[in-house]
Amino acid sequence: MVNHMRHNSGQTGSRRGHHALEVTNLAVCEKCSAPRLKHIACPNCGTYKGRVVLDTVSAIASKSKKAKGTKEKVAA
């Protein structure tokens, strides 16, 4: 069976013209000057638009506590 709906290379290239990867634009946090994604809270200090929205101190503590617990389970 012959494929009657074949596209030439120009049509294929025109369709794929929108498939290019884009560079992510990073913003600088006003509080800690760390690079962060736009419209997203800073992962370093947890602020967004000048106010604290993430409690990064407790998040780090809970992650370390979880990691400590998994190491003890593996050793046992």
PDB file of N, CA and C in Angstrom:
ATOM      1  N   MET A   1       0.841  -1.179   0.000  1.00  0.00           N
ATOM      2  CA  MET A   1       0.000   0.000   0.000  1.00  0.00           C
ATOM      3  C   MET A   1       0.892   1.251   0.000  1.00  0.00           C
ATOM      4  N   VAL A   2       0.528   2.203  -0.794  1.00  0.00           N
ATOM      5  CA  VAL A   2       1.333   3.414  -0.953  1.00  0.00           C
ATOM      6  C   VAL A   2       0.776   4.517  -0.064  1.00  0.00           C
ATOM      7  N   ASN A   3       1.676   5.222   0.578  1.00  0.00           N
ATOM      8  CA  ASN A   3       1.267   6.320   1.445  1.00  0.00           C
ATOM      9  C   ASN A   3       1.031   7.561   0.577  1.00  0.00           C
ATOM     10  N   HIS A   4      -0.230   7.982   0.428  1.00  0.00           N
ATOM     11  CA  HIS A   4      -0.563   9.122  -0.422  1.00  0.00           C
ATOM     12  C   HIS A   4      -0.480  10.448   0.326  1.00  0.00           C
ATOM     13  N   MET A   5      -0.277  10.431   1.638  1.00  0.00           N
ATOM     14  CA  MET A   5      -0.289  11.652   2.439  1.00  0.00           C
ATOM     15  C   MET A   5       1.122  12.037   2.872  1.00  0.00           C
ATOM     16  N   ARG A   6       2.076  11.843   1.980  1.00  0.00           N
ATOM     17  CA  ARG A   6       3.472  12.120   2.323  1.00  0.00           C
ATOM     18  C   ARG A   6       3.715  13.620   2.349  1.00  0.00           C
ATOM     19  N   HIS A   7       4.509  14.064   3.346  1.00  0.00           N
ATOM     20  CA  HIS A   7       4.890  15.473   3.444  1.00  0.00           C
ATOM     21  C   HIS A   7       6.323  15.627   2.969  1.00  0.00           C
ATOM     22  N   ASN A   8       6.591  16.700   2.254  1.00  0.00           N
ATOM     23  CA  ASN A   8       7.968  16.946   1.845  1.00  0.00           C
ATOM     24  C   ASN A   8       8.746  17.550   3.008  1.00  0.00           C
ATOM     25  N   SER A   9      10.049  17.705   2.822  1.00  0.00           N
ATOM     26  CA  SER A   9      10.903  18.142   3.932  1.00  0.00           C
ATOM     27  C   SER A   9      10.591  19.572   4.358  1.00  0.00           C
ATOM     28  N   GLY A  10      10.126  20.402   3.450  1.00  0.00           N
ATOM     29  CA  GLY A  10       9.777  21.772   3.807  1.00  0.00           C
ATOM     30  C   GLY A  10       8.579  21.828   4.740  1.00  0.00           C
ATOM     31  N   GLN A  11       7.579  21.015   4.473  1.00  0.00           N
ATOM     32  CA  GLN A  11       6.403  20.977   5.356  1.00  0.00           C
ATOM     33  C   GLN A  11       6.772  20.426   6.725  1.00  0.00           C
ATOM     34  N   THR A  12       7.608  19.392   6.730  1.00  0.00           N
ATOM     35  CA  THR A  12       8.038  18.800   7.990  1.00  0.00           C
ATOM     36  C   THR A  12       8.846  19.808   8.801  1.00  0.00           C
ATOM     37  N   GLY A  13       9.752  20.537   8.152  1.00  0.00           N
ATOM     38  CA  GLY A  13      10.556  21.531   8.846  1.00  0.00           C
ATOM     39  C   GLY A  13       9.719  22.680   9.379  1.00  0.00           C
ATOM     40  N   SER A  14       8.677  23.074   8.639  1.00  0.00           N
ATOM     41  CA  SER A  14       7.798  24.149   9.102  1.00  0.00           C
ATOM     42  C   SER A  14       7.045  23.722  10.356  1.00  0.00           C
ATOM     43  N   ARG A  15       6.625  22.478  10.384  1.00  0.00           N
ATOM     44  CA  ARG A  15       5.908  21.981  11.557  1.00  0.00           C
ATOM     45  C   ARG A  15       6.850  21.905  12.757  1.00  0.00           C
ATOM     46  N   ARG A  16       8.064  21.478  12.510  1.00  0.00           N
ATOM     47  CA  ARG A  16       9.020  21.300  13.608  1.00  0.00           C
ATOM     48  C   ARG A  16       9.699  22.607  14.019  1.00  0.00           C
ATOM     49  N   GLY A  17       9.377  23.695  13.373  1.00  0.00           N
ATOM     50  CA  GLY A  17       9.979  24.978  13.704  1.00  0.00           C
ATOM     51  C   GLY A  17       9.648  25.447  15.102  1.00  0.00           C
ATOM     52  N   HIS A  18       8.572  24.949  15.670  1.00  0.00           N
ATOM     53  CA  HIS A  18       8.158  25.348  17.018  1.00  0.00           C
ATOM     54  C   HIS A  18       8.680  24.390  18.090  1.00  0.00           C
ATOM     55  N   HIS A  19       9.452  23.395  17.724  1.00  0.00           N
ATOM     56  CA  HIS A  19       9.891  22.367  18.671  1.00  0.00           C
ATOM     57  C   HIS A  19      11.210  22.703  19.353  1.00  0.00           C
ATOM     58  N   ALA A  20      11.771  23.857  19.078  1.00  0.00           N
ATOM     59  CA  ALA A  20      13.073  24.212  19.654  1.00  0.00           C
ATOM     60  C   ALA A  20      12.953  24.447  21.154  1.00  0.00           C
ATOM     61  N   LEU A  21      13.996  24.099  21.883  1.00  0.00           N
ATOM     62  CA  LEU A  21      14.033  24.336  23.320  1.00  0.00           C
ATOM     63  C   LEU A  21      14.296  25.809  23.594  1.00  0.00           C
ATOM     64  N   GLU A  22      13.690  26.321  24.650  1.00  0.00           N
ATOM     65  CA  GLU A  22      13.890  27.709  25.027  1.00  0.00           C
ATOM     66  C   GLU A  22      14.704  27.780  26.326  1.00  0.00           C
ATOM     67  N   VAL A  23      15.487  28.811  26.442  1.00  0.00           N
ATOM     68  CA  VAL A  23      16.276  29.022  27.649  1.00  0.00           C
ATOM     69  C   VAL A  23      15.345  29.539  28.744  1.00  0.00           C
ATOM     70  N   THR A  24      15.433  28.955  29.937  1.00  0.00           N
ATOM     71  CA  THR A  24      14.605  29.428  31.039  1.00  0.00           C
ATOM     72  C   THR A  24      15.193  30.714  31.588  1.00  0.00           C
ATOM     73  N   ASN A  25      14.355  31.734  31.692  1.00  0.00           N
ATOM     74  CA  ASN A  25      14.804  33.017  32.217  1.00  0.00           C
ATOM     75  C   ASN A  25      14.720  32.986  33.731  1.00  0.00           C
ATOM     76  N   LEU A  26      15.833  33.231  34.374  1.00  0.00           N
ATOM     77  CA  LEU A  26      15.888  33.225  35.820  1.00  0.00           C
ATOM     78  C   LEU A  26      15.814  34.649  36.347  1.00  0.00           C
ATOM     79  N   ALA A  27      15.114  34.808  37.446  1.00  0.00           N
ATOM     80  CA  ALA A  27      15.059  36.089  38.142  1.00  0.00           C
ATOM     81  C   ALA A  27      15.967  36.005  39.363  1.00  0.00           C
ATOM     82  N   VAL A  28      16.247  37.128  39.963  1.00  0.00           N
ATOM     83  CA  VAL A  28      17.078  37.181  41.164  1.00  0.00           C
ATOM     84  C   VAL A  28      16.173  37.472  42.350  1.00  0.00           C
ATOM     85  N   CYS A  29      16.298  36.698  43.405  1.00  0.00           N
ATOM     86  CA  CYS A  29      15.505  36.895  44.616  1.00  0.00           C
ATOM     87  C   CYS A  29      15.882  38.229  45.253  1.00  0.00           C
ATOM     88  N   GLU A  30      14.859  38.992  45.658  1.00  0.00           N
ATOM     89  CA  GLU A  30      15.117  40.305  46.257  1.00  0.00           C
ATOM     90  C   GLU A  30      15.750  40.186  47.640  1.00  0.00           C
ATOM     91  N   LYS A  31      15.447  39.105  48.353  1.00  0.00           N
ATOM     92  CA  LYS A  31      15.925  38.962  49.719  1.00  0.00           C
ATOM     93  C   LYS A  31      17.324  38.344  49.792  1.00  0.00           C
ATOM     94  N   CYS A  32      17.518  37.218  49.116  1.00  0.00           N
ATOM     95  CA  CYS A  32      18.781  36.500  49.251  1.00  0.00           C
ATOM     96  C   CYS A  32      19.663  36.563  47.996  1.00  0.00           C
ATOM     97  N   SER A  33      19.191  37.170  46.926  1.00  0.00           N
ATOM     98  CA  SER A  33      19.917  37.326  45.658  1.00  0.00           C
ATOM     99  C   SER A  33      20.267  35.997  45.002  1.00  0.00           C
ATOM    100  N   ALA A  34      19.523  34.949  45.312  1.00  0.00           N
ATOM    101  CA  ALA A  34      19.736  33.651  44.686  1.00  0.00           C
ATOM    102  C   ALA A  34      18.925  33.590  43.387  1.00  0.00           C
ATOM    103  N   PRO A  35      19.403  32.870  42.382  1.00  0.00           N
ATOM    104  CA  PRO A  35      18.610  32.733  41.157  1.00  0.00           C
ATOM    105  C   PRO A  35      17.393  31.850  41.422  1.00  0.00           C
ATOM    106  N   ARG A  36      16.252  32.245  40.822  1.00  0.00           N
ATOM    107  CA  ARG A  36      15.013  31.493  40.993  1.00  0.00           C
ATOM    108  C   ARG A  36      14.193  31.618  39.728  1.00  0.00           C
ATOM    109  N   LEU A  37      13.222  30.738  39.545  1.00  0.00           N
ATOM    110  CA  LEU A  37      12.319  30.824  38.411  1.00  0.00           C
ATOM    111  C   LEU A  37      11.312  31.940  38.645  1.00  0.00           C
ATOM    112  N   LYS A  38      10.880  32.582  37.565  1.00  0.00           N
ATOM    113  CA  LYS A  38       9.906  33.657  37.686  1.00  0.00           C
ATOM    114  C   LYS A  38       8.562  33.092  38.115  1.00  0.00           C
ATOM    115  N   HIS A  39       7.809  33.841  38.881  1.00  0.00           N
ATOM    116  CA  HIS A  39       6.464  33.508  39.353  1.00  0.00           C
ATOM    117  C   HIS A  39       6.447  32.292  40.265  1.00  0.00           C
ATOM    118  N   ILE A  40       7.590  31.955  40.860  1.00  0.00           N
ATOM    119  CA  ILE A  40       7.695  30.814  41.764  1.00  0.00           C
ATOM    120  C   ILE A  40       8.470  31.278  43.000  1.00  0.00           C
ATOM    121  N   ALA A  41       8.092  30.771  44.154  1.00  0.00           N
ATOM    122  CA  ALA A  41       8.762  31.152  45.398  1.00  0.00           C
ATOM    123  C   ALA A  41      10.227  30.725  45.356  1.00  0.00           C
ATOM    124  N   CYS A  42      11.058  31.488  46.028  1.00  0.00           N
ATOM    125  CA  CYS A  42      12.490  31.208  46.066  1.00  0.00           C
ATOM    126  C   CYS A  42      12.735  29.928  46.864  1.00  0.00           C
ATOM    127  N   PRO A  43      13.413  28.950  46.288  1.00  0.00           N
ATOM    128  CA  PRO A  43      13.669  27.718  47.035  1.00  0.00           C
ATOM    129  C   PRO A  43      14.706  27.893  48.129  1.00  0.00           C
ATOM    130  N   ASN A  44      15.485  28.969  48.071  1.00  0.00           N
ATOM    131  CA  ASN A  44      16.539  29.193  49.054  1.00  0.00           C
ATOM    132  C   ASN A  44      15.985  29.798  50.344  1.00  0.00           C
ATOM    133  N   CYS A  45      15.184  30.876  50.214  1.00  0.00           N
ATOM    134  CA  CYS A  45      14.695  31.568  51.414  1.00  0.00           C
ATOM    135  C   CYS A  45      13.188  31.451  51.599  1.00  0.00           C
ATOM    136  N   GLY A  46      12.448  31.003  50.577  1.00  0.00           N
ATOM    137  CA  GLY A  46      11.007  30.778  50.710  1.00  0.00           C
ATOM    138  C   GLY A  46      10.156  32.020  50.577  1.00  0.00           C
ATOM    139  N   THR A  47      10.662  33.094  49.978  1.00  0.00           N
ATOM    140  CA  THR A  47       9.865  34.313  49.828  1.00  0.00           C
ATOM    141  C   THR A  47       9.319  34.429  48.413  1.00  0.00           C
ATOM    142  N   TYR A  48       8.184  35.110  48.308  1.00  0.00           N
ATOM    143  CA  TYR A  48       7.583  35.415  47.017  1.00  0.00           C
ATOM    144  C   TYR A  48       6.890  36.760  47.140  1.00  0.00           C
ATOM    145  N   LYS A  49       7.258  37.686  46.276  1.00  0.00           N
ATOM    146  CA  LYS A  49       6.717  39.052  46.277  1.00  0.00           C
ATOM    147  C   LYS A  49       6.883  39.728  47.632  1.00  0.00           C
ATOM    148  N   GLY A  50       8.029  39.524  48.276  1.00  0.00           N
ATOM    149  CA  GLY A  50       8.349  40.209  49.517  1.00  0.00           C
ATOM    150  C   GLY A  50       7.771  39.598  50.770  1.00  0.00           C
ATOM    151  N   ARG A  51       7.085  38.476  50.691  1.00  0.00           N
ATOM    152  CA  ARG A  51       6.549  37.843  51.897  1.00  0.00           C
ATOM    153  C   ARG A  51       6.944  36.374  51.926  1.00  0.00           C
ATOM    154  N   VAL A  52       7.037  35.818  53.123  1.00  0.00           N
ATOM    155  CA  VAL A  52       7.457  34.423  53.289  1.00  0.00           C
ATOM    156  C   VAL A  52       6.263  33.517  53.028  1.00  0.00           C
ATOM    157  N   VAL A  53       6.399  32.612  52.071  1.00  0.00           N
ATOM    158  CA  VAL A  53       5.322  31.676  51.752  1.00  0.00           C
ATOM    159  C   VAL A  53       5.721  30.226  52.007  1.00  0.00           C
ATOM    160  N   LEU A  54       7.016  29.960  52.124  1.00  0.00           N
ATOM    161  CA  LEU A  54       7.502  28.613  52.425  1.00  0.00           C
ATOM    162  C   LEU A  54       8.355  28.657  53.676  1.00  0.00           C
ATOM    163  N   ASP A  55       8.147  27.695  54.549  1.00  0.00           N
ATOM    164  CA  ASP A  55       8.967  27.600  55.753  1.00  0.00           C
ATOM    165  C   ASP A  55      10.123  26.659  55.450  1.00  0.00           C
ATOM    166  N   THR A  56      11.212  27.217  54.926  1.00  0.00           N
ATOM    167  CA  THR A  56      12.331  26.398  54.474  1.00  0.00           C
ATOM    168  C   THR A  56      13.114  25.785  55.626  1.00  0.00           C
ATOM    169  N   VAL A  57      13.116  26.419  56.781  1.00  0.00           N
ATOM    170  CA  VAL A  57      13.867  25.891  57.927  1.00  0.00           C
ATOM    171  C   VAL A  57      13.263  24.569  58.388  1.00  0.00           C
ATOM    172  N   SER A  58      11.938  24.525  58.538  1.00  0.00           N
ATOM    173  CA  SER A  58      11.301  23.282  58.979  1.00  0.00           C
ATOM    174  C   SER A  58      11.350  22.218  57.889  1.00  0.00           C
ATOM    175  N   ALA A  59      11.331  22.632  56.617  1.00  0.00           N
ATOM    176  CA  ALA A  59      11.421  21.664  55.523  1.00  0.00           C
ATOM    177  C   ALA A  59      12.775  20.977  55.524  1.00  0.00           C
ATOM    178  N   ILE A  60      13.826  21.732  55.760  1.00  0.00           N
ATOM    179  CA  ILE A  60      15.170  21.150  55.807  1.00  0.00           C
ATOM    180  C   ILE A  60      15.299  20.221  57.011  1.00  0.00           C
ATOM    181  N   ALA A  61      14.717  20.627  58.142  1.00  0.00           N
ATOM    182  CA  ALA A  61      14.778  19.791  59.341  1.00  0.00           C
ATOM    183  C   ALA A  61      14.032  18.482  59.140  1.00  0.00           C
ATOM    184  N   SER A  62      12.860  18.533  58.508  1.00  0.00           N
ATOM    185  CA  SER A  62      12.090  17.307  58.298  1.00  0.00           C
ATOM    186  C   SER A  62      12.770  16.390  57.289  1.00  0.00           C
ATOM    187  N   LYS A  63      13.418  16.966  56.260  1.00  0.00           N
ATOM    188  CA  LYS A  63      14.146  16.144  55.294  1.00  0.00           C
ATOM    189  C   LYS A  63      15.319  15.427  55.954  1.00  0.00           C
ATOM    190  N   SER A  64      16.037  16.137  56.818  1.00  0.00           N
ATOM    191  CA  SER A  64      17.177  15.508  57.479  1.00  0.00           C
ATOM    192  C   SER A  64      16.701  14.433  58.456  1.00  0.00           C
ATOM    193  N   LYS A  65      15.556  14.678  59.091  1.00  0.00           N
ATOM    194  CA  LYS A  65      15.005  13.693  60.014  1.00  0.00           C
ATOM    195  C   LYS A  65      14.572  12.432  59.260  1.00  0.00           C
ATOM    196  N   LYS A  66      13.954  12.623  58.069  1.00  0.00           N
ATOM    197  CA  LYS A  66      13.541  11.487  57.243  1.00  0.00           C
ATOM    198  C   LYS A  66      14.755  10.696  56.779  1.00  0.00           C
ATOM    199  N   ALA A  67      15.785  11.407  56.327  1.00  0.00           N
ATOM    200  CA  ALA A  67      16.991  10.739  55.842  1.00  0.00           C
ATOM    201  C   ALA A  67      17.666   9.958  56.960  1.00  0.00           C
ATOM    202  N   LYS A  68      17.653  10.513  58.140  1.00  0.00           N
ATOM    203  CA  LYS A  68      18.237   9.843  59.290  1.00  0.00           C
ATOM    204  C   LYS A  68      17.466   8.564  59.608  1.00  0.00           C
ATOM    205  N   GLY A  69      16.138   8.618  59.520  1.00  0.00           N
ATOM    206  CA  GLY A  69      15.301   7.457  59.798  1.00  0.00           C
ATOM    207  C   GLY A  69      15.489   6.344  58.778  1.00  0.00           C
ATOM    208  N   THR A  70      15.662   6.696  57.503  1.00  0.00           N
ATOM    209  CA  THR A  70      15.853   5.677  56.474  1.00  0.00           C
ATOM    210  C   THR A  70      17.221   5.017  56.613  1.00  0.00           C
ATOM    211  N   LYS A  71      18.234   5.759  57.054  1.00  0.00           N
ATOM    212  CA  LYS A  71      19.559   5.170  57.259  1.00  0.00           C
ATOM    213  C   LYS A  71      19.523   4.156  58.393  1.00  0.00           C
ATOM    214  N   GLU A  72      18.747   4.455  59.436  1.00  0.00           N
ATOM    215  CA  GLU A  72      18.649   3.525  60.555  1.00  0.00           C
ATOM    216  C   GLU A  72      17.920   2.252  60.150  1.00  0.00           C
ATOM    217  N   LYS A  73      16.890   2.378  59.279  1.00  0.00           N
ATOM    218  CA  LYS A  73      16.152   1.199  58.820  1.00  0.00           C
ATOM    219  C   LYS A  73      17.030   0.307  57.957  1.00  0.00           C
ATOM    220  N   VAL A  74      17.863   0.927  57.121  1.00  0.00           N
ATOM    221  CA  VAL A  74      18.750   0.154  56.238  1.00  0.00           C
ATOM    222  C   VAL A  74      19.793  -0.589  57.064  1.00  0.00           C
ATOM    223  N   ALA A  75      20.301   0.052  58.114  1.00  0.00           N
ATOM    224  CA  ALA A  75      21.348  -0.556  58.929  1.00  0.00           C
ATOM    225  C   ALA A  75      20.802  -1.726  59.755  1.00  0.00           C
ATOM    226  N   ALA A  76      19.512  -1.692  60.095  1.00  0.00           N
ATOM    227  CA  ALA A  76      18.931  -2.728  60.933  1.00  0.00           C
ATOM    228  C   ALA A  76      18.649  -4.012  60.203  1.00  0.00           C
TER     229      ALA A  76
END
